[in-house]
């Protein structure tokens, strides 16, 4: 989703350059925006930041941008969508959308076909992408009709030609549109890998240690910033701002605190999941292995089964006599320093002087 070409629907267009992509900006939003994405409402953000939020959510296909407020939507939008009438357009919102992969093979007709063919199935959904996926998964489906407000998705067996007749513009059925794919075309299947990158609404409050070199200022896109991080083995997250790209070693996650909204400079954090590991976990694992090994050795000594058990046993026997109150059991406590996990300190809880001299 990250590198997709976005477009803004409308008849008259004014071009804006956002995030290295060209956007067509029109005067009104689409009439039916579809179900919201949750979480999907962000205030006091730019259009570029709104796009970044949509890119970071796999269920987002479009968004409404109203002044400085951003509303993510699930709806797949196609050219020719109805816009709100000028008389009802009071919120100043416009709609941005990106091409939906489910619709890649389909052509949208301006209205409903006059002859639609036999109906294969009726799918109740207001999401155009979901309707297209239903047709894709049915080998008998060659086209479908769709009208979002009534949740109407009707799969058809008709092979449509571009010149096929449509219903009249003033027909009540004209609210529906027909979508078709080529019945005689040869298609190839390609496999795409979903980007591992995720985005937070704002920058992390604690961004962590920077990567060196890891500062790239100037006109860089999010994709370029992520590519810089991907090429550096110590980079796990990036802070992306209008002014530049900053690589970080920090393992970020959605539950970490963000910078306060008050005074937010517009920077956001992108991160790759670290698989549940944090920096330094490998060192901790190695320390734990060393600790386990030392504990095992300690157990051997205490039970007279270690490599020096015979020497220890003979020394203990030689130093003991009936007149002494020397016990036969030596107890040890293992203390592991919290600051230095690889250092083990043995402490004798009760040790005769003769036996203590042996260990020295």
Protein backbone atom coordinates (compact mmCIF):
# COMPACT_ATOMS: atom_id res chain seq x y z
CA UNK A 1 0.00 0.00 0.00
CA UNK A 2 2.91 2.32 0.76
CA UNK A 3 4.01 3.17 -2.79
CA UNK A 4 0.59 3.30 -4.44
CA UNK A 5 -0.42 6.18 -6.69
CA UNK A 6 -3.12 8.18 -4.98
CA UNK A 7 -5.73 10.25 -6.71
CA UNK A 8 -8.42 12.64 -5.51
CA UNK A 9 -11.76 12.39 -7.26
CA UNK A 10 -13.48 15.25 -9.02
CA UNK A 11 -14.17 16.91 -12.30
CA UNK A 12 -11.99 20.00 -11.97
CA UNK A 13 -8.51 19.33 -10.57
CA UNK A 14 -5.77 21.30 -8.89
CA UNK A 15 -2.45 19.45 -8.55
CA UNK A 16 -0.63 19.17 -5.23
CA UNK A 17 2.66 17.42 -4.52
CA UNK A 18 2.41 15.27 -1.40
CA UNK A 19 4.84 12.61 -0.25
CA UNK A 20 6.47 12.38 -3.64
CA UNK A 21 3.11 11.57 -5.27
CA UNK A 22 0.75 13.68 -7.40
CA UNK A 23 -2.75 14.23 -6.03
CA UNK A 24 -5.76 15.56 -7.84
CA UNK A 25 -7.60 17.85 -5.47
CA UNK A 26 -11.24 18.69 -6.17
CA UNK A 27 -13.84 20.79 -4.50
CA UNK A 28 -16.01 18.15 -2.74
CA UNK A 29 -15.90 14.69 -1.14
CA UNK A 30 -17.59 11.56 -2.46
CA UNK A 31 -21.24 11.10 -1.57
CA UNK A 32 -20.82 7.66 0.01
CA UNK A 33 -17.56 7.32 1.95
CA UNK A 34 -18.03 3.79 3.30
CA UNK A 35 -17.24 2.26 6.67
CA UNK A 36 -14.62 3.96 8.86
CA UNK A 37 -11.32 2.39 9.84
CA UNK A 38 -10.80 1.96 13.58
CA UNK A 39 -8.75 3.65 14.88
CA UNK A 40 -9.00 6.10 12.03
CA UNK A 41 -9.66 9.66 13.23
CA UNK A 42 -6.73 12.07 13.56
CA UNK A 43 -6.96 15.79 14.28
CA UNK A 44 -4.45 18.57 13.64
CA UNK A 45 -2.61 16.69 10.90
CA UNK A 46 -1.52 17.47 7.36
CA UNK A 47 -2.77 15.64 4.26
CA UNK A 48 0.63 13.92 4.03
CA UNK A 49 0.34 12.64 7.59
CA UNK A 50 -3.21 11.47 6.87
CA UNK A 51 -1.92 9.48 3.92
CA UNK A 52 0.79 7.95 6.13
CA UNK A 53 -1.86 6.78 8.60
CA UNK A 54 -3.82 5.15 5.77
CA UNK A 55 -0.67 3.53 4.39
CA UNK A 56 0.01 2.03 7.80
CA UNK A 57 -3.41 0.38 8.07
CA UNK A 58 -4.12 -2.65 5.88
CA UNK A 59 -7.90 -2.02 5.94
CA UNK A 60 -7.66 1.60 4.72
CA UNK A 61 -8.36 2.25 1.04
CA UNK A 62 -9.35 5.92 1.11
CA UNK A 63 -9.67 8.86 3.47
CA UNK A 64 -11.54 12.11 3.90
CA UNK A 65 -9.49 15.18 4.69
CA UNK A 66 -11.27 18.15 6.23
CA UNK A 67 -9.05 21.16 6.88
CA UNK A 68 -6.77 19.58 9.48
CA UNK A 69 -8.81 16.49 10.36
CA UNK A 70 -8.29 13.04 8.87
CA UNK A 71 -10.84 10.22 8.60
CA UNK A 72 -9.68 6.84 7.30
CA UNK A 73 -12.16 4.75 5.28
CA UNK A 74 -12.40 1.17 4.04
CA UNK A 75 -14.18 2.05 0.79
CA UNK A 76 -12.56 1.42 -2.59
CA UNK A 77 -13.25 4.46 -4.77
CA UNK A 78 -13.32 4.50 -8.58
CA UNK A 79 -13.47 7.29 -11.13
CA UNK A 80 -16.94 8.70 -11.65
CA UNK A 81 -18.13 8.34 -8.05
CA UNK A 82 -20.95 10.71 -7.14
CA UNK A 83 -19.87 13.73 -5.13
CA UNK A 84 -21.94 15.54 -2.53
CA UNK A 85 -23.94 18.35 -4.08
CA UNK A 86 -22.48 21.81 -3.80
CA UNK A 87 -25.50 23.00 -1.80
CA UNK A 88 -24.95 20.31 0.85
CA UNK A 89 -21.18 20.52 0.94
CA UNK A 90 -20.58 22.47 4.16
CA UNK A 91 -17.76 20.58 5.88
CA UNK A 92 -15.03 21.36 3.33
CA UNK A 93 -14.00 17.68 3.12
CA UNK A 94 -12.38 16.09 0.09
CA UNK A 95 -11.71 12.41 -0.63
CA UNK A 96 -8.38 10.76 -1.38
CA UNK A 97 -8.20 7.21 -2.64
CA UNK A 98 -5.72 4.65 -3.90
CA UNK A 99 -6.37 1.88 -6.46
CA UNK A 100 -7.68 -1.30 -4.84
CA UNK A 101 -5.84 -4.46 -5.84
CA UNK A 102 -9.14 -6.39 -6.02
CA UNK A 103 -10.28 -4.10 -8.85
CA UNK A 104 -7.08 -4.29 -10.88
CA UNK A 105 -8.64 -6.40 -13.66
CA UNK A 106 -12.01 -4.64 -13.77
CA UNK A 107 -13.42 -1.86 -15.93
CA UNK A 108 -16.15 0.31 -14.41
CA UNK A 109 -19.13 1.21 -16.59
CA UNK A 110 -20.73 4.64 -16.04
CA UNK A 111 -24.09 3.02 -15.26
CA UNK A 112 -25.84 -0.33 -15.09
CA UNK A 113 -25.81 -2.57 -18.16
CA UNK A 114 -29.13 -2.95 -19.93
CA UNK A 115 -28.54 -6.69 -20.24
CA UNK A 116 -26.69 -7.98 -17.19
CA UNK A 117 -26.81 -11.74 -17.66
CA UNK A 118 -27.78 -14.42 -15.15
CA UNK A 119 -27.21 -13.78 -11.45
CA UNK A 120 -24.78 -16.15 -9.74
CA UNK A 121 -24.90 -14.78 -6.22
CA UNK A 122 -26.06 -11.81 -4.15
CA UNK A 123 -23.42 -10.59 -1.69
CA UNK A 124 -24.51 -8.11 0.99
CA UNK A 125 -21.71 -5.55 1.25
CA UNK A 126 -21.16 -1.82 0.84
CA UNK A 127 -17.46 -2.29 0.04
CA UNK A 128 -16.64 -2.34 -3.66
CA UNK A 129 -13.39 -4.20 -3.01
CA UNK A 130 -15.22 -6.96 -1.13
CA UNK A 131 -17.67 -7.32 -4.02
CA UNK A 132 -14.82 -7.60 -6.53
CA UNK A 133 -13.08 -10.21 -4.38
CA UNK A 134 -16.29 -12.26 -4.29
CA UNK A 135 -16.37 -12.23 -8.09
CA UNK A 136 -12.67 -13.08 -8.28
CA UNK A 137 -13.18 -16.14 -6.10
CA UNK A 138 -16.06 -17.49 -8.22
CA UNK A 139 -14.92 -19.00 -11.56
CA UNK A 140 -18.42 -18.49 -13.04
CA UNK A 141 -18.41 -14.75 -12.31
CA UNK A 142 -17.48 -12.53 -15.27
CA UNK A 143 -19.01 -9.24 -14.12
CA UNK A 144 -20.98 -7.71 -11.26
CA UNK A 145 -23.28 -4.82 -10.43
CA UNK A 146 -22.78 -2.68 -7.33
CA UNK A 147 -24.53 0.06 -5.34
CA UNK A 148 -22.97 0.81 -1.95
CA UNK A 149 -25.86 2.54 -0.07
CA UNK A 150 -28.16 -0.49 -0.54
CA UNK A 151 -25.33 -2.99 0.07
CA UNK A 152 -26.07 -4.39 -3.36
CA UNK A 153 -23.43 -6.65 -4.92
CA UNK A 154 -24.79 -8.97 -7.63
CA UNK A 155 -22.41 -11.42 -9.31
CA UNK A 156 -23.16 -12.10 -13.00
CA UNK A 157 -22.09 -14.63 -15.63
CA UNK A 158 -22.19 -12.16 -18.53
CA UNK A 159 -19.07 -11.45 -20.57
CA UNK A 160 -19.30 -7.72 -21.13
CA UNK A 161 -17.98 -5.71 -24.08
CA UNK A 162 -17.09 -2.04 -23.76
CA UNK A 163 -19.82 -1.04 -26.23
CA UNK A 164 -22.69 -2.88 -24.53
CA UNK A 165 -25.84 -0.81 -23.96
CA UNK A 166 -26.52 0.87 -20.62
CA UNK A 167 -29.76 1.82 -18.89
CA UNK A 168 -30.98 5.38 -19.41
CA UNK A 169 -29.50 8.07 -17.18
CA UNK A 170 -32.92 8.88 -15.71
CA UNK A 171 -33.70 5.25 -14.91
CA UNK A 172 -34.06 4.38 -11.20
CA UNK A 173 -31.64 1.51 -11.85
CA UNK A 174 -28.94 3.95 -12.98
CA UNK A 175 -27.72 4.25 -9.38
CA UNK A 176 -26.10 0.83 -9.91
CA UNK A 177 -22.89 0.46 -11.89
CA UNK A 178 -21.61 -2.57 -13.77
CA UNK A 179 -18.03 -3.81 -13.48
CA UNK A 180 -16.51 -6.36 -15.81
CA UNK A 181 -13.25 -8.09 -16.62
CA UNK A 182 -12.03 -9.35 -19.97
CA UNK A 183 -13.29 -12.86 -20.70
CA UNK A 184 -10.79 -13.57 -23.49
CA UNK A 185 -7.68 -12.05 -21.94
CA UNK A 186 -4.81 -14.16 -20.62
CA UNK A 187 -3.92 -13.25 -17.04
CA UNK A 188 -0.84 -13.94 -14.98
CA UNK A 189 -0.71 -14.23 -11.23
CA UNK A 190 1.88 -12.23 -9.34
CA UNK A 191 2.74 -12.52 -5.68
CA UNK A 192 3.38 -9.39 -3.66
CA UNK A 193 4.94 -9.21 -0.23
CA UNK A 194 3.25 -6.92 2.27
CA UNK A 195 5.53 -4.30 3.71
CA UNK A 196 6.62 -5.02 7.31
CA UNK A 197 6.63 -1.31 8.13
CA UNK A 198 4.01 0.15 10.46
CA UNK A 199 3.34 3.77 11.39
CA UNK A 200 2.38 5.51 14.63
CA UNK A 201 0.11 8.60 14.75
CA UNK A 202 2.97 10.76 16.07
CA UNK A 203 6.64 10.37 16.88
CA UNK A 204 7.63 8.35 19.93
CA UNK A 205 8.34 10.30 23.09
CA UNK A 206 11.54 8.25 23.47
CA UNK A 207 13.02 7.66 20.02
CA UNK A 208 16.09 5.77 21.19
CA UNK A 209 19.73 5.82 20.12
CA UNK A 210 20.38 7.16 16.60
CA UNK A 211 22.00 5.10 13.89
CA UNK A 212 25.31 6.49 12.62
CA UNK A 213 25.25 7.48 9.81
CA UNK A 214 21.51 7.88 10.00
CA UNK A 215 20.45 11.46 9.25
CA UNK A 216 19.10 12.23 5.78
CA UNK A 217 17.74 15.74 5.38
CA UNK A 218 16.08 17.16 2.31
CA UNK A 219 13.37 16.00 -0.06
CA UNK A 220 13.21 12.30 0.84
CA UNK A 221 10.04 10.20 0.72
CA UNK A 222 8.90 7.72 3.36
CA UNK A 223 9.88 4.85 1.05
CA UNK A 224 13.40 6.23 0.68
CA UNK A 225 13.69 6.70 4.44
CA UNK A 226 12.61 3.12 5.01
CA UNK A 227 15.09 1.93 2.37
CA UNK A 228 17.90 3.67 4.26
CA UNK A 229 16.85 1.80 7.40
CA UNK A 230 16.51 -1.54 5.59
CA UNK A 231 20.10 -1.25 4.38
CA UNK A 232 21.44 -0.77 7.93
CA UNK A 233 21.43 -3.85 10.18
CA UNK A 234 21.26 -1.77 13.39
CA UNK A 235 18.21 0.26 12.29
CA UNK A 236 14.82 -0.77 13.69
CA UNK A 237 12.72 2.39 13.35
CA UNK A 238 12.77 5.84 11.74
CA UNK A 239 11.48 9.26 12.62
CA UNK A 240 10.15 10.95 9.48
CA UNK A 241 9.57 14.70 9.33
CA UNK A 242 9.12 17.29 6.61
CA UNK A 243 12.74 18.26 7.20
CA UNK A 244 14.26 14.81 6.94
CA UNK A 245 14.68 11.18 7.87
CA UNK A 246 16.29 9.99 11.11
CA UNK A 247 17.24 6.34 11.64
CA UNK A 248 16.95 4.82 15.14
CA UNK A 249 18.09 1.62 16.86
CA UNK A 250 14.99 1.56 19.07
CA UNK A 251 12.47 -1.30 18.84
CA UNK A 252 9.16 0.57 18.69
CA UNK A 253 5.65 -0.73 19.36
CA UNK A 254 2.10 0.62 19.47
CA UNK A 255 1.96 0.64 23.28
CA UNK A 256 4.88 3.05 23.74
CA UNK A 257 4.09 6.70 24.65
CA UNK A 258 4.00 9.32 21.90
CA UNK A 259 4.95 12.98 22.01
CA UNK A 260 2.05 15.11 23.31
CA UNK A 261 -0.32 16.57 20.74
CA UNK A 262 0.41 20.02 22.14
CA UNK A 263 3.52 21.28 20.40
CA UNK A 264 3.73 18.29 18.03
CA UNK A 265 6.01 19.19 15.11
CA UNK A 266 4.41 16.78 12.65
CA UNK A 267 7.05 14.03 12.85
CA UNK A 268 5.86 10.41 12.88
CA UNK A 269 7.58 7.13 13.75
CA UNK A 270 7.74 4.22 11.33
CA UNK A 271 8.92 0.89 12.70
CA UNK A 272 9.50 -2.74 11.82
CA UNK A 273 8.30 -5.36 14.33
CA UNK A 274 11.26 -6.77 16.24
CA UNK A 275 9.66 -10.16 16.79
CA UNK A 276 9.16 -9.63 20.52
CA UNK A 277 12.86 -8.98 21.08
CA UNK A 278 14.40 -5.76 22.31
CA UNK A 279 17.90 -4.43 21.95
CA UNK A 280 20.26 -6.31 24.22
CA UNK A 281 18.11 -9.43 24.36
CA UNK A 282 20.86 -11.52 22.75
CA UNK A 283 23.31 -10.45 25.44
CA UNK A 284 20.77 -11.30 28.13
CA UNK A 285 20.24 -14.71 26.55
CA UNK A 286 23.97 -15.40 26.55
CA UNK A 287 24.22 -14.32 30.18
CA UNK A 288 21.35 -16.61 31.09
CA UNK A 289 23.14 -19.54 29.44
CA UNK A 290 26.32 -18.78 31.39
CA UNK A 291 24.32 -18.54 34.60
CA UNK A 292 22.67 -21.91 33.93
CA UNK A 293 26.07 -23.50 33.33
CA UNK A 294 27.49 -22.11 36.57
CA UNK A 295 24.44 -23.21 38.53
CA UNK A 296 24.90 -26.73 37.15
CA UNK A 297 28.56 -26.73 38.22
CA UNK A 298 27.58 -25.50 41.67
CA UNK A 299 25.13 -28.35 42.05
CA UNK A 300 27.85 -30.85 41.11
CA UNK A 301 30.22 -29.47 43.75
CA UNK A 302 27.58 -29.44 46.48
CA UNK A 303 26.71 -33.08 45.73
CA UNK A 304 30.37 -34.20 45.40
CA UNK A 305 29.79 -35.17 41.76
CA UNK A 306 31.87 -32.49 40.00
CA UNK A 307 35.35 -32.89 38.53
CA UNK A 308 37.05 -32.13 41.91
CA UNK A 309 34.61 -34.12 44.02
CA UNK A 310 37.16 -36.74 45.16
CA UNK A 311 39.67 -34.09 46.23
CA UNK A 312 36.98 -32.17 48.09
CA UNK A 313 35.75 -35.35 49.80
CA UNK A 314 39.23 -36.43 50.95
CA UNK A 315 40.08 -32.96 52.24
CA UNK A 316 36.87 -32.83 54.20
CA UNK A 317 37.53 -36.27 55.72
CA UNK A 318 41.11 -35.38 56.66
CA UNK A 319 40.14 -32.20 58.43
CA UNK A 320 37.35 -33.78 60.43
CA UNK A 321 37.83 -35.76 63.70
CA UNK A 322 35.46 -36.99 66.43
CA UNK A 323 36.29 -34.04 68.71
CA UNK A 324 35.37 -31.48 66.08
CA UNK A 325 31.83 -30.26 65.52
CA UNK A 326 32.40 -30.09 61.78
CA UNK A 327 29.16 -30.90 59.87
CA UNK A 328 29.19 -33.13 56.82
CA UNK A 329 26.79 -30.83 54.84
CA UNK A 330 28.06 -27.60 53.27
CA UNK A 331 25.38 -25.17 52.12
CA UNK A 332 25.92 -22.55 49.50
CA UNK A 333 23.75 -19.68 48.23
CA UNK A 334 24.05 -18.42 44.71
CA UNK A 335 23.71 -14.67 44.33
CA UNK A 336 23.39 -13.12 40.89
CA UNK A 337 24.10 -9.38 40.63
CA UNK A 338 21.26 -7.48 38.94
CA UNK A 339 23.68 -5.05 37.35
CA UNK A 340 26.05 -7.69 35.96
CA UNK A 341 24.18 -10.87 35.13
CA UNK A 342 27.25 -12.83 34.04
CA UNK A 343 29.06 -12.48 37.39
CA UNK A 344 28.26 -15.12 40.00
CA UNK A 345 29.20 -14.68 43.64
CA UNK A 346 29.32 -17.73 45.89
CA UNK A 347 28.57 -17.18 49.52
CA UNK A 348 29.08 -19.81 52.23
CA UNK A 349 26.23 -19.71 54.71
CA UNK A 350 28.07 -21.94 57.16
CA UNK A 351 31.59 -23.13 56.35
CA UNK A 352 34.31 -24.47 58.71
CA UNK A 353 37.63 -22.69 58.60
CA UNK A 354 39.50 -25.77 57.35
CA UNK A 355 37.08 -26.30 54.45
CA UNK A 356 37.09 -22.59 53.62
CA UNK A 357 40.88 -22.74 53.38
CA UNK A 358 40.55 -25.57 50.87
CA UNK A 359 38.41 -23.42 48.54
CA UNK A 360 40.89 -20.55 48.79
